[in-house]
Structure formats: C-alpha cells, structure tokens
Amino acid sequence: MSATEPATRKDDNDSGTAAKDPGKRRRALLIVLLIFVALGLGWFLLWLFVFSTRESTDNAYVGGNQVAISAQVPGTVVAILADDTQRVEAGQVLVKLDSTDADVRLRQASSALAQAVRQVRQQTDSATGADAAVAARRIDLKKAQADLKRRLPLIAEQAEAPETVQHLRDGVEQAQAALDAAVAQANAAHASIEGTEVAQNPAVEQARANFRAAWVAAQRNAIFAPVAGYVAQRSVQLGNSVQPGQQLMTVVPLHDLWIDANFKESQLRHIRIGQPAKIVADVYGSGVEYHGKVIGLGAGTGSVFSLLPAQNATGNWIKVVQRVPVRIAIDNKDLDQHPLRIGLSTETTVNITDDKGPVLAQAAQQPTAETNVYEQMASKADAEADKIIRDNLSSRDAH
C-alpha cells in the first residue's frame, strides 16, 4: 500500500458526509414547517370553536342594591338594634327614637276622632228631633185649617163673629210659618249628615285622617328594615338627634346580585340580551363557577357619566378605548351555595354564539324592587281608627 491511500479514503468520507447533510436539513425544515402548520391549524380551530364564540373581561365587579336606612321623623336615638355584618329581616326594628312627643299627639288625635264620632251622633239625633218637630207642626197646621174650614159656613149664617174667623185665619198662617221654620231647621240638621253613615261622615273622616297621620308618625319612631339583608355602614349612635332623610345605616340584600362587566367597545358587536354567561370570582377561584345571563347593556360609556367627562374637542387628543357596562344577572342557586359581596372582582365570559337577540332592553314589566313593610303600617293605622270609631258608636249606629 502506498503512502497516498489513507489521504484518499479520508477525502471520500468527507464527501459522503457532505452529501448527507442537505437531506437531513430538508427533513428538519419539513418537520419544523409541519409543526408550525399544525400549531397554526390548532390555533385557527381554537379561535373558530372557542375564542370566536365568547367575549371575556376581568373588568367586572359584583353589584347589588344598597338600601339606605334613614329617619322619617325627627327625634333622639334611644336604641340601636342592629350592627354592621348582622343579618336583618324585612320589618325588623333597626333603630328606636324617643316617642314622648309623638305619643302625646297620638292621644290628642285619638280623642279628637272619638269626639268627632260623638258629635256626628249628636247631629244625627238632632236631625231626628227636627223631623219630629216638622211632623208636629204639620199636625198643628192641619188642625188650624180644619178649625177655619168648620167655622167658615157659620159666618155666612152670621153665627160667628168676623173677628173669630180672622183669628182662625191668623192661626193657620202662624201654623204654616211654624211648619216652614221647622222644615228649614230639619234641612239644616240633615245637611251635615245626609247621605252618609256616621263612620263615613266628612268630619269623622277628617278626624280619622289626622289620627292615621299621628299613628304613623308615632310608629316611625321605630325605624324598620324595608328588606332582608346585611347591615353595613352604620353611622348612628345613641343620643344622636336625627332629622328626616338622614342616613343611619345601609342594608345590603345579598340575593338577586348582578355583575357589571365593563367590555371594550370592540367587544360589544355580538353581545345581546339573553346570552348565557359564566363568572369566576376571585374570592373563590376557578374552582367555583357562577352562571348568569345578560339582562342589559349600559346607555353610555363610563366616561360620559363621570363627574368630569372627557373633553375630546381639544387640540391635544389621544384616542382611548372606551368601555360600556353590561349587566349580567347571577343565578340565585349559585349565590345560595357560594355567597358573594358587592364590589368583588370577577372574570366574566359571555357566550356570543347566538347573537340574534335584542341589543336594547324592553320596558320593565314588573317592579325592580318592592317592599310591603310600610303598607302593613298603614293598614294597622286604619284598624286602630276603626276600633275607636266602633267604640264610640251606639249599638243602633253600629248596625
């Protein structure tokens, strides 16, 4: 073997390796290309079937009613019966005011109502007496007329003196005048009671209204909770002198809550009323999911209703993406299992697959919120007034 053989074999090996390298590179590039194509296809399918069917935002917070508890009459606080974080029921007494002055006015109104009933009863009896007087005057008139009629034939026969007949004529006229006066008195007596029973007489109704107002004012010294919920922001203290309208505390019902989700204006294109939504609250994490539905979209962006609205008609202007609040009602069953508090942060996702629903809410068909606590107070006042009227009616008037 010559000395040049090893060098020749080495050159052949280098040439084979160089020939194989382009093939490996092509295969590697093809694999990389296929990976990117697969990733792109996966991303497209994910967007098509997932991301394009929903809109999400983490600018979403729990909202609810905040019922301000305030005084309706002036007074001094003598008792506080509920404190922050405590649950209260509708109609429960929260604060009591000193009722001394109100009790005095209530007794005065009660006495005035009783006196009005008795006065109307007296007027009714007076009218009955006036009717009896009219009947008596009619009898007197008929008697005078009969006497005159019986004596007139005697004048023709000159059996009666003319003076006697004149006296009889005067007696008829006097009887007629007395009857007219009795009728006028009877009409006057009936004017104040005619057409109504004692309980419906205008004077009694006015006294009844005054009593009702005094009774309600006395009851308002006890400040009630109009709805069930939890007490927050208690500011009232014992001995405070409060005025009507002064806020004393807040009651927050933790039922019928909603989410105010502030979506970007570019996300509102397919959001419609009635679309289902899923909510995850930061307080519980992704392990707890709430269900809800869109019930309305705000009438304007947040900047429009701010204290100092943006002035965009200026020389220096920078476009800022606006957000519109979308209200989403939460299923109460989910709230029963995992209670929320107003103001908590959430991440809200709306399913926009069905975008054929309305964008603007229709007119409300039922009250947003209502309470019958004050109606019950008014009905109790009427019951007390009826009792006073019955107690001051005679057995004949009561029937």
Protein backbone atom coordinates (compact mmCIF):
# COMPACT_ATOMS: atom_id res chain seq x y z
CA MET A 1 0.00 0.00 0.00
CA SER A 2 1.28 3.38 -0.95
CA ALA A 3 1.54 6.37 1.28
CA THR A 4 -1.23 8.21 -0.57
CA GLU A 5 -4.08 5.72 0.19
CA PRO A 6 -5.09 7.00 3.68
CA ALA A 7 -5.46 10.51 2.38
CA THR A 8 -7.68 9.32 -0.45
CA ARG A 9 -10.06 7.43 1.87
CA LYS A 10 -10.35 10.43 4.15
CA ASP A 11 -11.42 12.64 1.29
CA ASP A 12 -14.09 10.10 0.26
CA ASN A 13 -15.59 10.06 3.78
CA ASP A 14 -15.83 13.86 3.87
CA SER A 15 -17.63 13.89 0.53
CA GLY A 16 -20.27 11.34 1.75
CA THR A 17 -20.97 13.28 4.93
CA ALA A 18 -21.36 16.47 2.95
CA ALA A 19 -23.80 14.72 0.64
CA LYS A 20 -25.94 13.51 3.54
CA ASP A 21 -26.18 16.90 5.36
CA PRO A 22 -28.58 18.62 2.86
CA GLY A 23 -31.07 15.75 3.20
CA LYS A 24 -31.10 15.98 6.99
CA ARG A 25 -31.61 19.71 6.80
CA ARG A 26 -34.54 19.34 4.43
CA ARG A 27 -36.15 16.80 6.72
CA ALA A 28 -35.60 19.02 9.74
CA LEU A 29 -37.07 22.04 7.94
CA LEU A 30 -40.03 19.97 6.80
CA ILE A 31 -40.67 18.79 10.38
CA VAL A 32 -40.44 22.35 11.68
CA LEU A 33 -42.80 23.52 8.92
CA LEU A 34 -45.30 20.80 9.76
CA ILE A 35 -45.13 21.75 13.43
CA PHE A 36 -45.88 25.38 12.63
CA VAL A 37 -48.69 24.39 10.27
CA ALA A 38 -50.17 22.14 12.97
CA LEU A 39 -49.88 24.92 15.54
CA GLY A 40 -51.49 27.38 13.16
CA LEU A 41 -54.29 24.98 12.34
CA GLY A 42 -54.82 24.27 16.03
CA TRP A 43 -54.89 27.95 16.82
CA PHE A 44 -57.39 28.56 14.00
CA LEU A 45 -59.66 25.76 15.20
CA LEU A 46 -59.35 27.02 18.79
CA TRP A 47 -60.30 30.51 17.67
CA LEU A 48 -63.11 29.23 15.44
CA PHE A 49 -64.78 26.99 18.00
CA VAL A 50 -63.80 28.65 21.30
CA PHE A 51 -62.48 32.21 21.22
CA SER A 52 -64.82 33.45 18.47
CA THR A 53 -67.87 32.23 20.43
CA ARG A 54 -67.23 34.21 23.61
CA GLU A 55 -66.17 37.56 24.97
CA SER A 56 -64.31 37.81 28.25
CA THR A 57 -63.22 40.56 30.60
CA ASP A 58 -61.72 40.78 34.06
CA ASN A 59 -63.03 44.35 34.43
CA ALA A 60 -66.18 43.00 36.08
CA TYR A 61 -67.47 43.50 39.59
CA VAL A 62 -70.34 42.24 41.71
CA GLY A 63 -73.22 44.71 42.05
CA GLY A 64 -76.30 44.79 44.25
CA ASN A 65 -78.87 47.02 45.91
CA GLN A 66 -77.75 49.23 48.75
CA VAL A 67 -80.83 50.21 50.75
CA ALA A 68 -80.19 53.39 52.73
CA ILE A 69 -81.90 53.40 56.13
CA SER A 70 -82.91 56.91 57.17
CA ALA A 71 -85.20 58.59 59.66
CA GLN A 72 -88.65 59.77 58.55
CA VAL A 73 -89.35 61.91 61.61
CA PRO A 74 -87.04 63.98 63.83
CA GLY A 75 -86.06 62.53 67.19
CA THR A 76 -83.37 61.37 69.58
CA VAL A 77 -81.91 57.89 69.23
CA VAL A 78 -82.63 55.75 72.31
CA ALA A 79 -81.82 52.25 70.97
CA ILE A 80 -79.78 50.64 68.18
CA LEU A 81 -80.90 47.09 67.49
CA ALA A 82 -78.64 46.07 64.59
CA ASP A 83 -74.93 46.46 63.83
CA ASP A 84 -72.56 46.01 60.90
CA THR A 85 -72.35 42.48 59.39
CA GLN A 86 -75.56 41.34 61.13
CA ARG A 87 -78.47 39.92 59.14
CA VAL A 88 -81.86 41.60 59.47
CA GLU A 89 -85.29 40.62 58.18
CA ALA A 90 -87.83 42.81 56.42
CA GLY A 91 -89.92 44.65 59.02
CA GLN A 92 -87.34 44.24 61.80
CA VAL A 93 -86.75 47.30 64.01
CA LEU A 94 -83.25 48.70 63.50
CA VAL A 95 -83.29 51.98 65.46
CA LYS A 96 -85.68 53.48 68.03
CA LEU A 97 -86.28 57.18 68.63
CA ASP A 98 -87.73 58.88 71.71
CA SER A 99 -91.53 58.71 71.26
CA THR A 100 -92.76 61.02 74.06
CA ASP A 101 -93.97 63.87 71.85
CA ALA A 102 -95.43 61.51 69.24
CA ASP A 103 -97.40 59.64 71.89
CA VAL A 104 -98.94 62.90 73.14
CA ARG A 105 -100.01 63.88 69.62
CA LEU A 106 -101.42 60.39 69.07
CA ARG A 107 -103.57 60.64 72.20
CA GLN A 108 -104.83 64.03 71.11
CA ALA A 109 -105.76 62.69 67.68
CA SER A 110 -107.45 59.66 69.24
CA SER A 111 -109.57 61.89 71.47
CA ALA A 112 -110.44 64.15 68.53
CA LEU A 113 -111.61 61.14 66.50
CA ALA A 114 -113.79 59.88 69.33
CA GLN A 115 -115.23 63.37 69.85
CA ALA A 116 -115.99 63.70 66.13
CA VAL A 117 -117.92 60.43 66.16
CA ARG A 118 -119.95 61.55 69.18
CA GLN A 119 -120.66 64.95 67.62
CA VAL A 120 -121.95 63.33 64.43
CA ARG A 121 -124.11 61.03 66.54
CA GLN A 122 -125.48 64.11 68.31
CA GLN A 123 -126.18 65.78 64.96
CA THR A 124 -127.98 62.65 63.80
CA ASP A 125 -130.19 62.69 66.88
CA SER A 126 -130.82 66.42 66.41
CA ALA A 127 -131.91 65.78 62.84
CA THR A 128 -134.29 63.08 64.05
CA GLY A 129 -135.72 65.54 66.58
CA ALA A 130 -136.11 68.17 63.86
CA ASP A 131 -138.04 65.67 61.74
CA ALA A 132 -140.36 65.06 64.70
CA ALA A 133 -140.87 68.82 65.10
CA VAL A 134 -141.83 69.06 61.40
CA ALA A 135 -144.41 66.33 61.89
CA ALA A 136 -145.83 68.16 64.92
CA ARG A 137 -146.03 71.47 63.00
CA ARG A 138 -147.85 69.72 60.17
CA ILE A 139 -150.44 68.43 62.66
CA ASP A 140 -150.87 71.94 64.07
CA LEU A 141 -151.35 73.32 60.57
CA LYS A 142 -153.93 70.71 59.69
CA LYS A 143 -155.78 71.41 62.94
CA ALA A 144 -155.81 75.15 62.30
CA GLN A 145 -157.01 74.63 58.74
CA ALA A 146 -159.76 72.26 59.95
CA ASP A 147 -160.96 74.79 62.54
CA LEU A 148 -161.07 77.51 59.92
CA LYS A 149 -162.91 75.31 57.46
CA ARG A 150 -165.51 74.33 60.09
CA ARG A 151 -166.20 77.95 61.09
CA LEU A 152 -166.49 79.44 57.58
CA PRO A 153 -170.13 78.22 56.99
CA LEU A 154 -171.16 79.84 60.27
CA ILE A 155 -170.05 83.26 59.03
CA ALA A 156 -172.49 83.03 56.13
CA GLU A 157 -175.26 82.39 58.61
CA GLN A 158 -173.92 85.15 60.84
CA ALA A 159 -173.46 82.62 63.62
CA GLU A 160 -169.80 83.55 64.17
CA ALA A 161 -168.23 86.91 64.68
CA PRO A 162 -165.84 88.01 61.90
CA GLU A 163 -163.10 88.58 64.49
CA THR A 164 -163.19 84.91 65.42
CA VAL A 165 -162.75 83.84 61.83
CA GLN A 166 -159.87 86.30 61.43
CA HIS A 167 -158.20 84.82 64.47
CA LEU A 168 -158.57 81.38 62.90
CA ARG A 169 -157.01 82.63 59.65
CA ASP A 170 -154.12 84.11 61.61
CA GLY A 171 -153.73 80.79 63.40
CA VAL A 172 -153.44 78.98 60.04
CA GLU A 173 -150.79 81.41 58.87
CA GLN A 174 -148.86 81.04 62.12
CA ALA A 175 -149.06 77.27 61.86
CA GLN A 176 -147.80 77.46 58.27
CA ALA A 177 -144.92 79.72 59.32
CA ALA A 178 -144.05 77.39 62.18
CA LEU A 179 -144.05 74.46 59.74
CA ASP A 180 -141.78 76.33 57.32
CA ALA A 181 -139.37 77.15 60.14
CA ALA A 182 -139.37 73.53 61.33
CA VAL A 183 -138.67 72.29 57.78
CA ALA A 184 -135.76 74.75 57.44
CA GLN A 185 -134.32 73.59 60.76
CA ALA A 186 -134.70 69.97 59.72
CA ASN A 187 -132.95 70.63 56.40
CA ALA A 188 -130.13 72.37 58.22
CA ALA A 189 -129.80 69.47 60.63
CA HIS A 190 -129.71 66.96 57.78
CA ALA A 191 -127.19 68.96 55.72
CA SER A 192 -124.21 67.81 57.83
CA ILE A 193 -125.21 64.15 58.00
CA GLU A 194 -127.27 63.45 54.90
CA GLY A 195 -126.11 60.71 52.53
CA THR A 196 -123.51 59.11 54.83
CA GLU A 197 -123.31 56.88 57.83
CA VAL A 198 -121.64 58.14 60.99
CA ALA A 199 -118.34 56.42 60.19
CA GLN A 200 -118.24 57.96 56.68
CA ASN A 201 -119.20 61.47 57.74
CA PRO A 202 -116.73 64.11 56.45
CA ALA A 203 -115.99 65.35 59.97
CA VAL A 204 -115.24 61.80 61.12
CA GLU A 205 -113.15 61.13 58.01
CA GLN A 206 -111.06 64.25 58.67
CA ALA A 207 -110.51 63.26 62.30
CA ARG A 208 -109.71 59.74 61.10
CA ALA A 209 -107.07 61.08 58.69
CA ASN A 210 -105.48 63.16 61.47
CA PHE A 211 -105.42 60.10 63.73
CA ARG A 212 -103.89 57.99 60.95
CA ALA A 213 -101.13 60.58 60.41
CA ALA A 214 -100.42 60.77 64.15
CA TRP A 215 -100.40 56.96 64.45
CA VAL A 216 -97.98 56.55 61.54
CA ALA A 217 -95.74 59.33 62.92
CA ALA A 218 -95.65 57.56 66.29
CA GLN A 219 -94.74 54.26 64.62
CA ARG A 220 -91.97 55.92 62.63
CA ASN A 221 -90.08 56.46 65.85
CA ALA A 222 -89.20 52.81 65.29
CA ILE A 223 -87.14 52.61 62.08
CA PHE A 224 -87.76 49.36 60.20
CA ALA A 225 -85.74 47.42 57.65
CA PRO A 226 -87.66 47.55 54.35
CA VAL A 227 -85.88 44.45 53.01
CA ALA A 228 -83.95 41.48 54.32
CA GLY A 229 -80.18 41.72 54.11
CA TYR A 230 -76.98 42.54 55.97
CA VAL A 231 -76.19 45.76 57.80
CA ALA A 232 -73.29 47.90 56.60
CA GLN A 233 -72.02 51.45 57.13
CA ARG A 234 -73.73 52.03 60.47
CA SER A 235 -73.10 55.63 61.46
CA VAL A 236 -75.87 56.26 64.00
CA GLN A 237 -75.00 56.45 67.70
CA LEU A 238 -77.04 56.58 70.90
CA GLY A 239 -78.19 60.08 71.75
CA ASN A 240 -77.89 61.37 68.19
CA SER A 241 -80.53 63.90 67.24
CA VAL A 242 -81.57 62.78 63.77
CA GLN A 243 -83.56 64.57 61.10
CA PRO A 244 -85.82 63.21 58.34
CA GLY A 245 -83.74 61.90 55.44
CA GLN A 246 -80.56 61.50 57.49
CA GLN A 247 -78.87 58.18 56.59
CA LEU A 248 -78.24 55.99 59.62
CA MET A 249 -77.01 52.72 58.07
CA THR A 250 -77.26 50.61 54.93
CA VAL A 251 -78.91 47.22 54.38
CA VAL A 252 -77.44 45.16 51.54
CA PRO A 253 -79.52 42.22 50.24
CA LEU A 254 -77.07 39.52 49.08
CA HIS A 255 -79.71 37.89 46.91
CA ASP A 256 -80.54 38.91 43.33
CA LEU A 257 -77.00 40.19 42.75
CA TRP A 258 -75.60 41.02 39.33
CA ILE A 259 -72.31 41.60 37.55
CA ASP A 260 -71.38 44.90 35.94
CA ALA A 261 -68.94 43.71 33.28
CA ASN A 262 -67.19 46.59 31.51
CA PHE A 263 -66.45 45.33 27.98
CA LYS A 264 -64.41 47.24 25.45
CA GLU A 265 -66.45 48.87 22.71
CA SER A 266 -64.87 46.49 20.18
CA GLN A 267 -66.25 43.52 22.16
CA LEU A 268 -69.88 44.63 22.04
CA ARG A 269 -70.52 43.74 18.40
CA HIS A 270 -72.09 40.36 19.12
CA ILE A 271 -73.23 40.77 22.75
CA ARG A 272 -77.01 40.50 23.05
CA ILE A 273 -79.59 40.43 25.85
CA GLY A 274 -80.35 36.88 27.00
CA GLN A 275 -76.95 35.38 26.17
CA PRO A 276 -75.59 32.98 28.84
CA ALA A 277 -72.55 33.93 30.86
CA LYS A 278 -70.11 32.25 33.21
CA ILE A 279 -68.50 34.08 36.11
CA VAL A 280 -65.48 33.22 38.19
CA ALA A 281 -64.99 35.26 41.36
CA ASP A 282 -61.51 35.93 42.69
CA VAL A 283 -62.67 35.19 46.23
CA TYR A 284 -63.35 31.51 45.38
CA GLY A 285 -61.04 30.99 42.42
CA SER A 286 -61.63 28.94 39.28
CA GLY A 287 -62.99 26.00 41.28
CA VAL A 288 -66.37 27.78 41.69
CA GLU A 289 -68.27 28.87 38.61
CA TYR A 290 -71.41 31.03 38.60
CA HIS A 291 -73.99 31.05 35.85
CA GLY A 292 -75.91 34.05 34.61
CA LYS A 293 -77.35 35.80 31.60
CA VAL A 294 -77.10 39.24 30.02
CA ILE A 295 -80.06 41.41 31.04
CA GLY A 296 -78.98 44.74 29.59
CA LEU A 297 -76.30 46.99 28.17
CA GLY A 298 -75.47 50.41 29.54
CA ALA A 299 -76.83 53.52 27.84
CA GLY A 300 -73.37 55.07 27.62
CA THR A 301 -69.71 54.65 28.40
CA GLY A 302 -68.35 55.17 31.86
CA SER A 303 -66.55 58.36 30.87
CA VAL A 304 -69.81 60.05 29.83
CA PHE A 305 -71.33 59.63 33.31
CA SER A 306 -68.18 60.50 35.22
CA LEU A 307 -68.00 63.57 37.45
CA LEU A 308 -65.67 65.28 34.97
CA PRO A 309 -66.49 63.98 31.47
CA ALA A 310 -63.67 63.88 28.94
CA GLN A 311 -63.37 66.92 26.65
CA ASN A 312 -62.33 65.34 23.36
CA ALA A 313 -62.77 68.53 21.31
CA THR A 314 -59.31 69.76 22.28
CA GLY A 315 -56.12 70.22 20.30
CA ASN A 316 -54.21 67.54 22.19
CA TRP A 317 -56.23 64.36 21.79
CA ILE A 318 -55.33 60.74 22.30
CA LYS A 319 -57.82 58.04 21.46
CA VAL A 320 -58.71 55.85 24.44
CA VAL A 321 -60.68 52.65 24.01
CA GLN A 322 -64.00 53.12 25.81
CA ARG A 323 -65.86 50.55 27.88
CA VAL A 324 -69.61 50.02 28.27
CA PRO A 325 -71.10 48.29 31.34
CA VAL A 326 -73.01 45.09 30.57
CA ARG A 327 -75.29 43.88 33.35
CA ILE A 328 -75.42 40.14 33.97
CA ALA A 329 -77.86 38.58 36.44
CA ILE A 330 -76.44 35.76 38.59
CA ASP A 331 -78.37 32.57 39.26
CA ASN A 332 -79.62 32.70 42.86
CA LYS A 333 -78.98 28.97 43.31
CA ASP A 334 -75.26 29.60 42.83
CA LEU A 335 -75.41 32.50 45.28
CA ASP A 336 -77.07 30.27 47.88
CA GLN A 337 -74.18 27.81 47.68
CA HIS A 338 -71.37 30.38 47.47
CA PRO A 339 -72.43 33.85 48.70
CA LEU A 340 -70.84 36.92 47.17
CA ARG A 341 -70.39 40.51 48.38
CA ILE A 342 -70.94 43.59 46.30
CA GLY A 343 -67.79 45.06 44.83
CA LEU A 344 -65.87 41.77 44.49
CA SER A 345 -63.73 41.24 41.39
CA THR A 346 -64.70 38.61 38.84
CA GLU A 347 -63.77 37.31 35.41
CA THR A 348 -66.83 37.16 33.20
CA THR A 349 -67.27 35.28 29.93
CA VAL A 350 -70.32 35.75 27.71
CA ASN A 351 -71.27 33.11 25.14
CA ILE A 352 -72.00 35.05 21.92
CA THR A 353 -72.83 32.05 19.70
CA ASP A 354 -76.45 33.20 19.39
CA ASP A 355 -76.32 36.89 18.51
CA LYS A 356 -79.88 37.27 17.21
CA GLY A 357 -81.31 38.71 20.43
CA PRO A 358 -82.11 42.38 21.15
CA VAL A 359 -79.45 44.93 21.97
CA LEU A 360 -81.76 47.35 23.80
CA ALA A 361 -83.85 46.29 26.79
CA GLN A 362 -87.63 46.48 26.59
CA ALA A 363 -89.91 48.29 29.04
CA ALA A 364 -89.96 46.79 32.53
CA GLN A 365 -92.93 44.51 33.17
CA GLN A 366 -92.54 44.29 36.95
CA PRO A 367 -91.00 46.38 39.76
CA THR A 368 -87.23 46.20 40.09
CA ALA A 369 -87.64 46.06 43.86
CA GLU A 370 -90.55 46.48 46.26
CA THR A 371 -91.50 46.18 49.91
CA ASN A 372 -94.82 45.95 51.78
CA VAL A 373 -93.47 46.96 55.20
CA TYR A 374 -94.97 50.45 55.01
CA GLU A 375 -98.29 49.18 53.63
CA GLN A 376 -98.61 46.97 56.69
CA MET A 377 -98.04 50.03 58.89
CA ALA A 378 -100.83 51.93 57.12
CA SER A 379 -103.25 49.02 57.41
CA LYS A 380 -102.59 48.81 61.16
CA ALA A 381 -103.34 52.54 61.47
CA ASP A 382 -106.69 52.02 59.71
CA ALA A 383 -107.52 49.13 62.03
CA GLU A 384 -106.86 51.27 65.10
CA ALA A 385 -109.01 54.08 63.71
CA ASP A 386 -111.87 51.66 63.00
CA LYS A 387 -111.69 50.38 66.57
CA ILE A 388 -112.03 53.91 68.01
CA ILE A 389 -115.00 54.61 65.75
CA ARG A 390 -116.75 51.38 66.77
CA ASP A 391 -116.16 52.08 70.45
CA ASN A 392 -117.88 55.47 70.15
CA LEU A 393 -120.84 54.38 68.06
CA SER A 394 -124.12 53.40 69.68
CA SER A 395 -125.38 49.87 69.12
CA ARG A 396 -128.01 51.28 66.74
CA ASP A 397 -125.41 53.13 64.64
CA ALA A 398 -123.06 50.15 64.60
CA HIS A 399 -125.67 48.06 62.82
